[in-house]
Amino acid sequence: MLMGKNTLMKASLNSKMKKPEEGDFDFAERKDHYKPCPELEKLVNLLKGNTGIIFSNGDLSDIKKIIDEQKREAPAKVGIIAPDDVWIRAGSTGLDPKQTSFF
């Protein structure tokens, strides 16, 4: 799985799509193996929010199984929509009224 900042992932994909030109630092390395990849443009446009990219030649159901096994719950954050409904029963919070503004 490839994880990184969206800006850096976009820059690396754009670099991969760009035809090597003399004077590029990696020209000698890429000149003989360059192949246009216009389909990567679609991938670059999808890089928004928290995004991970997985490249594979294998069976995607095996990959999904591995990812599901490694999934971890994350603490709640302000402004994030919960994946499940959350109900808080009425009752004492144990907090002073000035401390409950986040509810």
PDB file of N, CA and C in Angstrom:
ATOM      1  N   MET A   1       0.865  -1.161   0.000  1.00  0.00           N
ATOM      2  CA  MET A   1       0.000   0.000   0.000  1.00  0.00           C
ATOM      3  C   MET A   1       0.907   1.217   0.000  1.00  0.00           C
ATOM      4  N   LEU A   2       0.524   2.180  -0.774  1.00  0.00           N
ATOM      5  CA  LEU A   2       1.299   3.415  -0.866  1.00  0.00           C
ATOM      6  C   LEU A   2       0.515   4.521  -0.180  1.00  0.00           C
ATOM      7  N   MET A   3       1.115   5.112   0.831  1.00  0.00           N
ATOM      8  CA  MET A   3       0.468   6.208   1.540  1.00  0.00           C
ATOM      9  C   MET A   3       1.391   7.411   1.503  1.00  0.00           C
ATOM     10  N   GLY A   4       0.813   8.574   1.410  1.00  0.00           N
ATOM     11  CA  GLY A   4       1.616   9.782   1.424  1.00  0.00           C
ATOM     12  C   GLY A   4       0.729  10.998   1.338  1.00  0.00           C
ATOM     13  N   LYS A   5       1.321  12.151   1.439  1.00  0.00           N
ATOM     14  CA  LYS A   5       0.580  13.394   1.303  1.00  0.00           C
ATOM     15  C   LYS A   5       0.091  13.500  -0.132  1.00  0.00           C
ATOM     16  N   ASN A   6      -1.137  13.961  -0.294  1.00  0.00           N
ATOM     17  CA  ASN A   6      -1.721  14.054  -1.633  1.00  0.00           C
ATOM     18  C   ASN A   6      -0.863  14.886  -2.582  1.00  0.00           C
ATOM     19  N   THR A   7      -0.298  15.977  -2.085  1.00  0.00           N
ATOM     20  CA  THR A   7       0.521  16.842  -2.931  1.00  0.00           C
ATOM     21  C   THR A   7       1.732  16.080  -3.463  1.00  0.00           C
ATOM     22  N   LEU A   8       2.365  15.298  -2.594  1.00  0.00           N
ATOM     23  CA  LEU A   8       3.539  14.533  -3.022  1.00  0.00           C
ATOM     24  C   LEU A   8       3.155  13.393  -3.962  1.00  0.00           C
ATOM     25  N   MET A   9       2.018  12.742  -3.695  1.00  0.00           N
ATOM     26  CA  MET A   9       1.578  11.663  -4.589  1.00  0.00           C
ATOM     27  C   MET A   9       1.235  12.229  -5.966  1.00  0.00           C
ATOM     28  N   LYS A  10       0.568  13.387  -5.992  1.00  0.00           N
ATOM     29  CA  LYS A  10       0.252  14.016  -7.280  1.00  0.00           C
ATOM     30  C   LYS A  10       1.524  14.382  -8.029  1.00  0.00           C
ATOM     31  N   ALA A  11       2.499  14.933  -7.307  1.00  0.00           N
ATOM     32  CA  ALA A  11       3.764  15.321  -7.946  1.00  0.00           C
ATOM     33  C   ALA A  11       4.479  14.110  -8.522  1.00  0.00           C
ATOM     34  N   SER A  12       4.488  12.996  -7.796  1.00  0.00           N
ATOM     35  CA  SER A  12       5.181  11.809  -8.300  1.00  0.00           C
ATOM     36  C   SER A  12       4.449  11.207  -9.496  1.00  0.00           C
ATOM     37  N   LEU A  13       3.119  11.202  -9.468  1.00  0.00           N
ATOM     38  CA  LEU A  13       2.365  10.686 -10.620  1.00  0.00           C
ATOM     39  C   LEU A  13       2.528  11.598 -11.833  1.00  0.00           C
ATOM     40  N   ASN A  14       2.507  12.917 -11.612  1.00  0.00           N
ATOM     41  CA  ASN A  14       2.715  13.850 -12.726  1.00  0.00           C
ATOM     42  C   ASN A  14       4.117  13.683 -13.306  1.00  0.00           C
ATOM     43  N   SER A  15       5.095  13.416 -12.451  1.00  0.00           N
ATOM     44  CA  SER A  15       6.458  13.175 -12.918  1.00  0.00           C
ATOM     45  C   SER A  15       6.521  11.912 -13.766  1.00  0.00           C
ATOM     46  N   LYS A  16       5.786  10.891 -13.359  1.00  0.00           N
ATOM     47  CA  LYS A  16       5.742   9.626 -14.110  1.00  0.00           C
ATOM     48  C   LYS A  16       5.084   9.828 -15.476  1.00  0.00           C
ATOM     49  N   MET A  17       4.077  10.702 -15.545  1.00  0.00           N
ATOM     50  CA  MET A  17       3.367  10.935 -16.814  1.00  0.00           C
ATOM     51  C   MET A  17       4.177  11.798 -17.771  1.00  0.00           C
ATOM     52  N   LYS A  18       5.083  12.615 -17.233  1.00  0.00           N
ATOM     53  CA  LYS A  18       5.853  13.545 -18.054  1.00  0.00           C
ATOM     54  C   LYS A  18       6.928  12.797 -18.850  1.00  0.00           C
ATOM     55  N   LYS A  19       7.010  13.103 -20.133  1.00  0.00           N
ATOM     56  CA  LYS A  19       8.023  12.480 -20.981  1.00  0.00           C
ATOM     57  C   LYS A  19       9.401  12.956 -20.535  1.00  0.00           C
ATOM     58  N   PRO A  20      10.376  12.035 -20.399  1.00  0.00           N
ATOM     59  CA  PRO A  20      11.718  12.449 -19.974  1.00  0.00           C
ATOM     60  C   PRO A  20      12.377  13.346 -21.020  1.00  0.00           C
ATOM     61  N   GLU A  21      12.969  14.418 -20.551  1.00  0.00           N
ATOM     62  CA  GLU A  21      13.649  15.354 -21.453  1.00  0.00           C
ATOM     63  C   GLU A  21      15.105  15.465 -21.029  1.00  0.00           C
ATOM     64  N   GLU A  22      15.961  15.695 -22.008  1.00  0.00           N
ATOM     65  CA  GLU A  22      17.384  15.849 -21.714  1.00  0.00           C
ATOM     66  C   GLU A  22      17.556  16.992 -20.710  1.00  0.00           C
ATOM     67  N   GLY A  23      18.345  16.741 -19.689  1.00  0.00           N
ATOM     68  CA  GLY A  23      18.543  17.724 -18.632  1.00  0.00           C
ATOM     69  C   GLY A  23      17.804  17.353 -17.359  1.00  0.00           C
ATOM     70  N   ASP A  24      16.804  16.449 -17.446  1.00  0.00           N
ATOM     71  CA  ASP A  24      16.125  15.962 -16.249  1.00  0.00           C
ATOM     72  C   ASP A  24      17.107  15.131 -15.433  1.00  0.00           C
ATOM     73  N   PHE A  25      16.985  15.190 -14.110  1.00  0.00           N
ATOM     74  CA  PHE A  25      17.925  14.458 -13.254  1.00  0.00           C
ATOM     75  C   PHE A  25      17.845  12.943 -13.461  1.00  0.00           C
ATOM     76  N   ASP A  26      16.684  12.441 -13.894  1.00  0.00           N
ATOM     77  CA  ASP A  26      16.522  11.000 -14.089  1.00  0.00           C
ATOM     78  C   ASP A  26      16.380  10.623 -15.569  1.00  0.00           C
ATOM     79  N   PHE A  27      16.849  11.480 -16.453  1.00  0.00           N
ATOM     80  CA  PHE A  27      16.702  11.255 -17.893  1.00  0.00           C
ATOM     81  C   PHE A  27      17.324   9.930 -18.324  1.00  0.00           C
ATOM     82  N   ALA A  28      18.550   9.664 -17.914  1.00  0.00           N
ATOM     83  CA  ALA A  28      19.246   8.441 -18.335  1.00  0.00           C
ATOM     84  C   ALA A  28      18.500   7.196 -17.854  1.00  0.00           C
ATOM     85  N   GLU A  29      17.915   7.280 -16.690  1.00  0.00           N
ATOM     86  CA  GLU A  29      17.198   6.144 -16.118  1.00  0.00           C
ATOM     87  C   GLU A  29      15.862   5.887 -16.818  1.00  0.00           C
ATOM     88  N   ARG A  30      15.169   6.949 -17.221  1.00  0.00           N
ATOM     89  CA  ARG A  30      13.809   6.812 -17.759  1.00  0.00           C
ATOM     90  C   ARG A  30      13.718   6.803 -19.275  1.00  0.00           C
ATOM     91  N   LYS A  31      14.728   7.276 -20.001  1.00  0.00           N
ATOM     92  CA  LYS A  31      14.605   7.486 -21.444  1.00  0.00           C
ATOM     93  C   LYS A  31      14.303   6.205 -22.211  1.00  0.00           C
ATOM     94  N   ASP A  32      14.853   5.075 -21.795  1.00  0.00           N
ATOM     95  CA  ASP A  32      14.661   3.825 -22.533  1.00  0.00           C
ATOM     96  C   ASP A  32      13.387   3.090 -22.131  1.00  0.00           C
ATOM     97  N   HIS A  33      12.825   3.428 -20.969  1.00  0.00           N
ATOM     98  CA  HIS A  33      11.669   2.685 -20.455  1.00  0.00           C
ATOM     99  C   HIS A  33      10.388   3.504 -20.412  1.00  0.00           C
ATOM    100  N   TYR A  34      10.431   4.743 -20.889  1.00  0.00           N
ATOM    101  CA  TYR A  34       9.252   5.614 -20.796  1.00  0.00           C
ATOM    102  C   TYR A  34       8.132   5.082 -21.683  1.00  0.00           C
ATOM    103  N   LYS A  35       6.932   5.071 -21.114  1.00  0.00           N
ATOM    104  CA  LYS A  35       5.725   4.714 -21.854  1.00  0.00           C
ATOM    105  C   LYS A  35       4.637   5.683 -21.400  1.00  0.00           C
ATOM    106  N   PRO A  36       3.945   6.336 -22.324  1.00  0.00           N
ATOM    107  CA  PRO A  36       2.881   7.270 -21.908  1.00  0.00           C
ATOM    108  C   PRO A  36       1.821   6.562 -21.066  1.00  0.00           C
ATOM    109  N   CYS A  37       1.361   7.223 -20.017  1.00  0.00           N
ATOM    110  CA  CYS A  37       0.339   6.676 -19.111  1.00  0.00           C
ATOM    111  C   CYS A  37      -0.766   7.703 -18.897  1.00  0.00           C
ATOM    112  N   PRO A  38      -1.584   7.987 -19.913  1.00  0.00           N
ATOM    113  CA  PRO A  38      -2.633   9.003 -19.731  1.00  0.00           C
ATOM    114  C   PRO A  38      -3.685   8.592 -18.699  1.00  0.00           C
ATOM    115  N   GLU A  39      -3.799   7.291 -18.420  1.00  0.00           N
ATOM    116  CA  GLU A  39      -4.783   6.831 -17.433  1.00  0.00           C
ATOM    117  C   GLU A  39      -4.439   7.288 -16.019  1.00  0.00           C
ATOM    118  N   LEU A  40      -3.183   7.662 -15.784  1.00  0.00           N
ATOM    119  CA  LEU A  40      -2.796   8.154 -14.459  1.00  0.00           C
ATOM    120  C   LEU A  40      -3.419   9.515 -14.157  1.00  0.00           C
ATOM    121  N   GLU A  41      -3.788  10.258 -15.191  1.00  0.00           N
ATOM    122  CA  GLU A  41      -4.439  11.560 -14.989  1.00  0.00           C
ATOM    123  C   GLU A  41      -5.738  11.387 -14.196  1.00  0.00           C
ATOM    124  N   LYS A  42      -6.482  10.308 -14.478  1.00  0.00           N
ATOM    125  CA  LYS A  42      -7.716  10.026 -13.739  1.00  0.00           C
ATOM    126  C   LYS A  42      -7.405   9.761 -12.271  1.00  0.00           C
ATOM    127  N   LEU A  43      -6.316   9.072 -12.023  1.00  0.00           N
ATOM    128  CA  LEU A  43      -5.910   8.770 -10.655  1.00  0.00           C
ATOM    129  C   LEU A  43      -5.520  10.039  -9.901  1.00  0.00           C
ATOM    130  N   VAL A  44      -4.807  10.929 -10.561  1.00  0.00           N
ATOM    131  CA  VAL A  44      -4.401  12.193  -9.946  1.00  0.00           C
ATOM    132  C   VAL A  44      -5.637  12.995  -9.526  1.00  0.00           C
ATOM    133  N   ASN A  45      -6.672  12.984 -10.359  1.00  0.00           N
ATOM    134  CA  ASN A  45      -7.894  13.739 -10.049  1.00  0.00           C
ATOM    135  C   ASN A  45      -8.659  13.156  -8.869  1.00  0.00           C
ATOM    136  N   LEU A  46      -8.408  11.894  -8.518  1.00  0.00           N
ATOM    137  CA  LEU A  46      -9.104  11.260  -7.398  1.00  0.00           C
ATOM    138  C   LEU A  46      -8.420  11.482  -6.051  1.00  0.00           C
ATOM    139  N   LEU A  47      -7.237  12.050  -6.064  1.00  0.00           N
ATOM    140  CA  LEU A  47      -6.480  12.230  -4.818  1.00  0.00           C
ATOM    141  C   LEU A  47      -7.005  13.431  -4.039  1.00  0.00           C
ATOM    142  N   LYS A  48      -8.009  13.166  -3.221  1.00  0.00           N
ATOM    143  CA  LYS A  48      -8.609  14.187  -2.361  1.00  0.00           C
ATOM    144  C   LYS A  48      -8.880  13.552  -1.014  1.00  0.00           C
ATOM    145  N   GLY A  49      -8.731  14.307   0.042  1.00  0.00           N
ATOM    146  CA  GLY A  49      -8.986  13.765   1.379  1.00  0.00           C
ATOM    147  C   GLY A  49      -7.931  12.751   1.772  1.00  0.00           C
ATOM    148  N   ASN A  50      -8.285  11.848   2.674  1.00  0.00           N
ATOM    149  CA  ASN A  50      -7.364  10.796   3.110  1.00  0.00           C
ATOM    150  C   ASN A  50      -7.439   9.654   2.113  1.00  0.00           C
ATOM    151  N   THR A  51      -6.388   9.490   1.353  1.00  0.00           N
ATOM    152  CA  THR A  51      -6.389   8.516   0.275  1.00  0.00           C
ATOM    153  C   THR A  51      -5.173   7.614   0.359  1.00  0.00           C
ATOM    154  N   GLY A  52      -5.380   6.333   0.214  1.00  0.00           N
ATOM    155  CA  GLY A  52      -4.296   5.364   0.099  1.00  0.00           C
ATOM    156  C   GLY A  52      -4.411   4.706  -1.259  1.00  0.00           C
ATOM    157  N   ILE A  53      -3.296   4.360  -1.857  1.00  0.00           N
ATOM    158  CA  ILE A  53      -3.309   3.739  -3.175  1.00  0.00           C
ATOM    159  C   ILE A  53      -2.674   2.364  -3.066  1.00  0.00           C
ATOM    160  N   ILE A  54      -3.332   1.372  -3.643  1.00  0.00           N
ATOM    161  CA  ILE A  54      -2.801   0.015  -3.661  1.00  0.00           C
ATOM    162  C   ILE A  54      -2.684  -0.415  -5.120  1.00  0.00           C
ATOM    163  N   PHE A  55      -1.483  -0.789  -5.517  1.00  0.00           N
ATOM    164  CA  PHE A  55      -1.251  -1.326  -6.847  1.00  0.00           C
ATOM    165  C   PHE A  55      -1.013  -2.824  -6.690  1.00  0.00           C
ATOM    166  N   SER A  56      -1.662  -3.624  -7.529  1.00  0.00           N
ATOM    167  CA  SER A  56      -1.490  -5.064  -7.391  1.00  0.00           C
ATOM    168  C   SER A  56      -1.759  -5.776  -8.709  1.00  0.00           C
ATOM    169  N   ASN A  57      -1.078  -6.869  -8.893  1.00  0.00           N
ATOM    170  CA  ASN A  57      -1.376  -7.783  -9.991  1.00  0.00           C
ATOM    171  C   ASN A  57      -2.136  -8.985  -9.468  1.00  0.00           C
ATOM    172  N   GLY A  58      -2.348  -9.017  -8.167  1.00  0.00           N
ATOM    173  CA  GLY A  58      -3.001 -10.152  -7.528  1.00  0.00           C
ATOM    174  C   GLY A  58      -4.505  -9.996  -7.439  1.00  0.00           C
ATOM    175  N   ASP A  59      -5.110 -10.924  -6.713  1.00  0.00           N
ATOM    176  CA  ASP A  59      -6.555 -10.959  -6.536  1.00  0.00           C
ATOM    177  C   ASP A  59      -6.986  -9.890  -5.531  1.00  0.00           C
ATOM    178  N   LEU A  60      -7.910  -9.024  -5.928  1.00  0.00           N
ATOM    179  CA  LEU A  60      -8.344  -7.927  -5.064  1.00  0.00           C
ATOM    180  C   LEU A  60      -9.089  -8.409  -3.825  1.00  0.00           C
ATOM    181  N   SER A  61      -9.741  -9.556  -3.895  1.00  0.00           N
ATOM    182  CA  SER A  61     -10.441 -10.061  -2.708  1.00  0.00           C
ATOM    183  C   SER A  61      -9.436 -10.442  -1.618  1.00  0.00           C
ATOM    184  N   ASP A  62      -8.255 -10.940  -2.002  1.00  0.00           N
ATOM    185  CA  ASP A  62      -7.210 -11.239  -1.015  1.00  0.00           C
ATOM    186  C   ASP A  62      -6.711  -9.958  -0.365  1.00  0.00           C
ATOM    187  N   ILE A  63      -6.546  -8.924  -1.157  1.00  0.00           N
ATOM    188  CA  ILE A  63      -6.080  -7.644  -0.634  1.00  0.00           C
ATOM    189  C   ILE A  63      -7.106  -7.048   0.318  1.00  0.00           C
ATOM    190  N   LYS A  64      -8.388  -7.128  -0.053  1.00  0.00           N
ATOM    191  CA  LYS A  64      -9.444  -6.609   0.811  1.00  0.00           C
ATOM    192  C   LYS A  64      -9.452  -7.337   2.147  1.00  0.00           C
ATOM    193  N   LYS A  65      -9.244  -8.632   2.110  1.00  0.00           N
ATOM    194  CA  LYS A  65      -9.220  -9.419   3.337  1.00  0.00           C
ATOM    195  C   LYS A  65      -8.074  -8.956   4.252  1.00  0.00           C
ATOM    196  N   ILE A  66      -6.916  -8.719   3.676  1.00  0.00           N
ATOM    197  CA  ILE A  66      -5.762  -8.253   4.460  1.00  0.00           C
ATOM    198  C   ILE A  66      -6.040  -6.880   5.061  1.00  0.00           C
ATOM    199  N   ILE A  67      -6.614  -5.988   4.259  1.00  0.00           N
ATOM    200  CA  ILE A  67      -6.921  -4.641   4.751  1.00  0.00           C
ATOM    201  C   ILE A  67      -7.952  -4.693   5.878  1.00  0.00           C
ATOM    202  N   ASP A  68      -8.984  -5.530   5.709  1.00  0.00           N
ATOM    203  CA  ASP A  68     -10.003  -5.654   6.755  1.00  0.00           C
ATOM    204  C   ASP A  68      -9.417  -6.195   8.055  1.00  0.00           C
ATOM    205  N   GLU A  69      -8.432  -7.096   7.948  1.00  0.00           N
ATOM    206  CA  GLU A  69      -7.796  -7.641   9.147  1.00  0.00           C
ATOM    207  C   GLU A  69      -6.963  -6.580   9.872  1.00  0.00           C
ATOM    208  N   GLN A  70      -6.431  -5.626   9.134  1.00  0.00           N
ATOM    209  CA  GLN A  70      -5.543  -4.609   9.699  1.00  0.00           C
ATOM    210  C   GLN A  70      -6.282  -3.334  10.119  1.00  0.00           C
ATOM    211  N   LYS A  71      -7.584  -3.295   9.916  1.00  0.00           N
ATOM    212  CA  LYS A  71      -8.366  -2.100  10.223  1.00  0.00           C
ATOM    213  C   LYS A  71      -8.362  -1.824  11.721  1.00  0.00           C
ATOM    214  N   ARG A  72      -8.200  -0.551  12.069  1.00  0.00           N
ATOM    215  CA  ARG A  72      -8.204  -0.126  13.458  1.00  0.00           C
ATOM    216  C   ARG A  72      -9.241   0.972  13.640  1.00  0.00           C
ATOM    217  N   GLU A  73      -9.900   0.956  14.793  1.00  0.00           N
ATOM    218  CA  GLU A  73     -10.853   2.022  15.076  1.00  0.00           C
ATOM    219  C   GLU A  73     -10.096   3.274  15.462  1.00  0.00           C
ATOM    220  N   ALA A  74     -10.654   4.404  15.088  1.00  0.00           N
ATOM    221  CA  ALA A  74     -10.021   5.685  15.394  1.00  0.00           C
ATOM    222  C   ALA A  74     -10.919   6.465  16.349  1.00  0.00           C
ATOM    223  N   PRO A  75     -10.330   7.296  17.197  1.00  0.00           N
ATOM    224  CA  PRO A  75     -11.145   8.114  18.098  1.00  0.00           C
ATOM    225  C   PRO A  75     -11.955   9.146  17.311  1.00  0.00           C
ATOM    226  N   ALA A  76     -13.050   9.575  17.901  1.00  0.00           N
ATOM    227  CA  ALA A  76     -13.901  10.579  17.268  1.00  0.00           C
ATOM    228  C   ALA A  76     -13.164  11.904  17.153  1.00  0.00           C
ATOM    229  N   LYS A  77     -13.439  12.620  16.078  1.00  0.00           N
ATOM    230  CA  LYS A  77     -12.841  13.937  15.865  1.00  0.00           C
ATOM    231  C   LYS A  77     -13.944  14.944  15.563  1.00  0.00           C
ATOM    232  N   VAL A  78     -13.729  16.165  15.922  1.00  0.00           N
ATOM    233  CA  VAL A  78     -14.696  17.230  15.698  1.00  0.00           C
ATOM    234  C   VAL A  78     -14.932  17.415  14.202  1.00  0.00           C
ATOM    235  N   GLY A  79     -16.193  17.481  13.797  1.00  0.00           N
ATOM    236  CA  GLY A  79     -16.539  17.767  12.412  1.00  0.00           C
ATOM    237  C   GLY A  79     -16.588  16.546  11.507  1.00  0.00           C
ATOM    238  N   ILE A  80     -16.210  15.383  11.998  1.00  0.00           N
ATOM    239  CA  ILE A  80     -16.212  14.173  11.187  1.00  0.00           C
ATOM    240  C   ILE A  80     -17.564  13.478  11.348  1.00  0.00           C
ATOM    241  N   ILE A  81     -18.091  12.972  10.262  1.00  0.00           N
ATOM    242  CA  ILE A  81     -19.370  12.265  10.296  1.00  0.00           C
ATOM    243  C   ILE A  81     -19.117  10.822  10.713  1.00  0.00           C
ATOM    244  N   ALA A  82     -19.875  10.356  11.708  1.00  0.00           N
ATOM    245  CA  ALA A  82     -19.714   8.997  12.211  1.00  0.00           C
ATOM    246  C   ALA A  82     -20.231   7.993  11.183  1.00  0.00           C
ATOM    247  N   PRO A  83     -19.558   6.857  11.008  1.00  0.00           N
ATOM    248  CA  PRO A  83     -20.026   5.844  10.067  1.00  0.00           C
ATOM    249  C   PRO A  83     -21.293   5.144  10.565  1.00  0.00           C
ATOM    250  N   ASP A  84     -21.547   5.201  11.868  1.00  0.00           N
ATOM    251  CA  ASP A  84     -22.743   4.598  12.457  1.00  0.00           C
ATOM    252  C   ASP A  84     -23.468   5.651  13.279  1.00  0.00           C
ATOM    253  N   ASP A  85     -24.766   5.435  13.496  1.00  0.00           N
ATOM    254  CA  ASP A  85     -25.528   6.344  14.346  1.00  0.00           C
ATOM    255  C   ASP A  85     -25.011   6.253  15.777  1.00  0.00           C
ATOM    256  N   VAL A  86     -24.937   7.389  16.432  1.00  0.00           N
ATOM    257  CA  VAL A  86     -24.478   7.451  17.815  1.00  0.00           C
ATOM    258  C   VAL A  86     -25.585   8.080  18.651  1.00  0.00           C
ATOM    259  N   TRP A  87     -25.954   7.402  19.717  1.00  0.00           N
ATOM    260  CA  TRP A  87     -26.994   7.912  20.608  1.00  0.00           C
ATOM    261  C   TRP A  87     -26.394   8.068  22.000  1.00  0.00           C
ATOM    262  N   ILE A  88     -26.601   9.227  22.572  1.00  0.00           N
ATOM    263  CA  ILE A  88     -26.128   9.488  23.925  1.00  0.00           C
ATOM    264  C   ILE A  88     -27.358   9.628  24.816  1.00  0.00           C
ATOM    265  N   ARG A  89     -27.464   8.759  25.790  1.00  0.00           N
ATOM    266  CA  ARG A  89     -28.629   8.781  26.675  1.00  0.00           C
ATOM    267  C   ARG A  89     -28.590  10.026  27.561  1.00  0.00           C
ATOM    268  N   ALA A  90     -29.773  10.533  27.874  1.00  0.00           N
ATOM    269  CA  ALA A  90     -29.877  11.677  28.774  1.00  0.00           C
ATOM    270  C   ALA A  90     -29.374  11.270  30.146  1.00  0.00           C
ATOM    271  N   GLY A  91     -28.706  12.182  30.805  1.00  0.00           N
ATOM    272  CA  GLY A  91     -28.207  11.892  32.144  1.00  0.00           C
ATOM    273  C   GLY A  91     -27.075  12.820  32.503  1.00  0.00           C
ATOM    274  N   SER A  92     -26.559  12.612  33.656  1.00  0.00           N
ATOM    275  CA  SER A  92     -25.483  13.452  34.149  1.00  0.00           C
ATOM    276  C   SER A  92     -24.203  13.161  33.384  1.00  0.00           C
ATOM    277  N   THR A  93     -23.534  14.229  32.974  1.00  0.00           N
ATOM    278  CA  THR A  93     -22.256  14.079  32.284  1.00  0.00           C
ATOM    279  C   THR A  93     -21.092  14.169  33.252  1.00  0.00           C
ATOM    280  N   GLY A  94     -21.368  14.670  34.424  1.00  0.00           N
ATOM    281  CA  GLY A  94     -20.303  14.868  35.397  1.00  0.00           C
ATOM    282  C   GLY A  94     -19.494  16.115  35.108  1.00  0.00           C
ATOM    283  N   LEU A  95     -19.982  16.926  34.158  1.00  0.00           N
ATOM    284  CA  LEU A  95     -19.271  18.151  33.780  1.00  0.00           C
ATOM    285  C   LEU A  95     -20.058  19.380  34.202  1.00  0.00           C
ATOM    286  N   ASP A  96     -19.355  20.429  34.445  1.00  0.00           N
ATOM    287  CA  ASP A  96     -19.935  21.738  34.707  1.00  0.00           C
ATOM    288  C   ASP A  96     -20.638  22.211  33.432  1.00  0.00           C
ATOM    289  N   PRO A  97     -21.752  22.965  33.499  1.00  0.00           N
ATOM    290  CA  PRO A  97     -22.443  23.435  32.287  1.00  0.00           C
ATOM    291  C   PRO A  97     -21.547  24.214  31.324  1.00  0.00           C
ATOM    292  N   LYS A  98     -20.519  24.870  31.818  1.00  0.00           N
ATOM    293  CA  LYS A  98     -19.609  25.613  30.952  1.00  0.00           C
ATOM    294  C   LYS A  98     -18.720  24.674  30.139  1.00  0.00           C
ATOM    295  N   GLN A  99     -18.598  23.418  30.560  1.00  0.00           N
ATOM    296  CA  GLN A  99     -17.708  22.470  29.901  1.00  0.00           C
ATOM    297  C   GLN A  99     -18.424  21.606  28.868  1.00  0.00           C
ATOM    298  N   THR A 100     -19.729  21.804  28.677  1.00  0.00           N
ATOM    299  CA  THR A 100     -20.486  20.924  27.780  1.00  0.00           C
ATOM    300  C   THR A 100     -20.763  21.554  26.419  1.00  0.00           C
ATOM    301  N   SER A 101     -20.073  22.617  26.060  1.00  0.00           N
ATOM    302  CA  SER A 101     -20.349  23.288  24.782  1.00  0.00           C
ATOM    303  C   SER A 101     -20.055  22.387  23.589  1.00  0.00           C
ATOM    304  N   PHE A 102     -19.164  21.419  23.730  1.00  0.00           N
ATOM    305  CA  PHE A 102     -18.840  20.538  22.609  1.00  0.00           C
ATOM    306  C   PHE A 102     -19.920  19.519  22.306  1.00  0.00           C
ATOM    307  N   PHE A 103     -20.907  19.344  23.237  1.00  0.00           N
ATOM    308  CA  PHE A 103     -22.009  18.438  22.954  1.00  0.00           C
ATOM    309  C   PHE A 103     -22.919  19.094  21.935  1.00  0.00           C
TER     310      PHE A 103
END
